[in-house]
C-alpha atoms as a PDB file:
ATOM      1  CA  MET A   1     108.372 145.816 100.158  1.00  0.00           C
ATOM      2  CA  SER A   2     107.619 142.298  98.940  1.00  0.00           C
ATOM      3  CA  THR A   3     109.554 140.826 101.877  1.00  0.00           C
ATOM      4  CA  LEU A   4     107.329 142.728 104.282  1.00  0.00           C
ATOM      5  CA  LEU A   5     104.159 141.511 102.536  1.00  0.00           C
ATOM      6  CA  ALA A   6     105.439 137.936 102.582  1.00  0.00           C
ATOM      7  CA  ALA A   7     106.136 138.172 106.316  1.00  0.00           C
ATOM      8  CA  ILE A   8     102.648 139.518 106.997  1.00  0.00           C
ATOM      9  CA  ALA A   9     101.072 136.784 104.860  1.00  0.00           C
ATOM     10  CA  GLU A  10     103.057 134.099 106.670  1.00  0.00           C
ATOM     11  CA  PHE A  11     101.990 135.508 110.030  1.00  0.00           C
ATOM     12  CA  GLU A  12      98.331 135.499 108.943  1.00  0.00           C
ATOM     13  CA  ARG A  13      98.654 131.923 107.733  1.00  0.00           C
ATOM     14  CA  ASP A  14     100.074 130.859 111.104  1.00  0.00           C
ATOM     15  CA  LEU A  15      97.152 132.526 112.876  1.00  0.00           C
ATOM     16  CA  MET A  16      94.638 130.730 110.633  1.00  0.00           C
ATOM     17  CA  ARG A  17      96.349 127.378 111.207  1.00  0.00           C
ATOM     18  CA  GLU A  18      96.282 127.947 114.960  1.00  0.00           C
ATOM     19  CA  ARG A  19      92.589 128.929 115.005  1.00  0.00           C
ATOM     20  CA  THR A  20      91.476 126.010 112.836  1.00  0.00           C
ATOM     21  CA  GLY A  21      93.515 123.601 114.970  1.00  0.00           C
ATOM     22  CA  GLU A  22      91.798 124.881 118.103  1.00  0.00           C
ATOM     23  CA  GLY A  23      88.420 124.546 116.419  1.00  0.00           C
ATOM     24  CA  ARG A  24      89.146 120.928 115.506  1.00  0.00           C
ATOM     25  CA  LYS A  25      90.146 120.146 119.080  1.00  0.00           C
ATOM     26  CA  ARG A  26      86.904 121.676 120.406  1.00  0.00           C
ATOM     27  CA  ALA A  27      84.888 119.707 117.842  1.00  0.00           C
ATOM     28  CA  MET A  28      86.631 116.444 118.792  1.00  0.00           C
ATOM     29  CA  ALA A  29      85.881 117.141 122.453  1.00  0.00           C
ATOM     30  CA  ARG A  30      82.178 117.420 121.483  1.00  0.00           C
ATOM     31  CA  ASP A  31      82.424 114.103 119.552  1.00  0.00           C
ATOM     32  CA  VAL A  32      81.782 115.727 116.185  1.00  0.00           C
ATOM     33  CA  ARG A  33      82.413 113.327 113.310  1.00  0.00           C
ATOM     34  CA  PHE A  34      84.637 114.552 110.512  1.00  0.00           C
ATOM     35  CA  GLY A  35      84.358 113.618 106.845  1.00  0.00           C
ATOM     36  CA  ARG A  36      81.526 112.439 104.661  1.00  0.00           C
ATOM     37  CA  LYS A  37      78.332 110.955 105.965  1.00  0.00           C
ATOM     38  CA  PRO A  38      78.082 107.206 105.296  1.00  0.00           C
ATOM     39  CA  LYS A  39      75.891 106.310 102.330  1.00  0.00           C
ATOM     40  CA  LEU A  40      74.564 103.202 104.058  1.00  0.00           C
ATOM     41  CA  SER A  41      73.283 102.885 107.604  1.00  0.00           C
ATOM     42  CA  ASP A  42      74.598 100.190 109.932  1.00  0.00           C
ATOM     43  CA  PHE A  43      71.470  98.131 109.279  1.00  0.00           C
ATOM     44  CA  GLN A  44      71.956  98.402 105.522  1.00  0.00           C
ATOM     45  CA  ARG A  45      75.604  97.343 105.839  1.00  0.00           C
ATOM     46  CA  LYS A  46      74.629  94.233 107.792  1.00  0.00           C
ATOM     47  CA  GLU A  47      71.863  93.468 105.323  1.00  0.00           C
ATOM     48  CA  THR A  48      74.306  93.860 102.430  1.00  0.00           C
ATOM     49  CA  LEU A  49      76.727  91.367 103.968  1.00  0.00           C
ATOM     50  CA  GLN A  50      73.900  88.883 104.463  1.00  0.00           C
ATOM     51  CA  ARG A  51      72.802  89.296 100.847  1.00  0.00           C
ATOM     52  CA  ARG A  52      76.381  88.736  99.637  1.00  0.00           C
ATOM     53  CA  ALA A  53      76.643  85.596 101.765  1.00  0.00           C
ATOM     54  CA  ALA A  54      73.365  84.381 100.235  1.00  0.00           C
ATOM     55  CA  GLY A  55      74.943  84.605  96.770  1.00  0.00           C
ATOM     56  CA  GLU A  56      73.388  87.782  95.390  1.00  0.00           C
ATOM     57  CA  THR A  57      75.591  89.642  92.908  1.00  0.00           C
ATOM     58  CA  LEU A  58      77.358  92.886  93.761  1.00  0.00           C
ATOM     59  CA  ALA A  59      75.577  94.660  90.915  1.00  0.00           C
ATOM     60  CA  GLU A  60      72.118  93.699  92.178  1.00  0.00           C
ATOM     61  CA  ILE A  61      72.899  94.800  95.709  1.00  0.00           C
ATOM     62  CA  ALA A  62      74.475  98.073  94.569  1.00  0.00           C
ATOM     63  CA  LYS A  63      71.525  98.876  92.331  1.00  0.00           C
ATOM     64  CA  SER A  64      69.020  98.312  95.146  1.00  0.00           C
ATOM     65  CA  TYR A  65      70.842 100.827  97.382  1.00  0.00           C
ATOM     66  CA  ALA A  66      71.691 103.261  94.556  1.00  0.00           C
ATOM     67  CA  VAL A  67      75.434 103.072  95.241  1.00  0.00           C
ATOM     68  CA  ASP A  68      78.435 102.011  93.176  1.00  0.00           C
ATOM     69  CA  ILE A  69      79.524  98.383  92.997  1.00  0.00           C
ATOM     70  CA  SER A  70      82.925  99.305  94.428  1.00  0.00           C
ATOM     71  CA  MET A  71      81.305 100.483  97.628  1.00  0.00           C
ATOM     72  CA  ILE A  72      79.580  97.147  98.126  1.00  0.00           C
ATOM     73  CA  SER A  73      82.790  95.246  97.356  1.00  0.00           C
ATOM     74  CA  ARG A  74      84.666  97.220 100.068  1.00  0.00           C
ATOM     75  CA  LEU A  75      82.265  96.091 102.804  1.00  0.00           C
ATOM     76  CA  SER A  76      83.494  93.086 104.720  1.00  0.00           C
END
């Protein structure tokens, strides 16, 4: 009995994997972006790099954008 249930569950899992894979392919064809939204816009990123080059500290920049210091340090 348990072998039969395991086989049915495995079959269902394969169907789910197939459907989600197809959905991802359709989304990629529509140029849908996956993952988190960026916290900073492109303009803000450029501005941050300029502020770093001007000698402003990471903490000051991070505080002004309400993000963590590590995020500012990763920009380059």
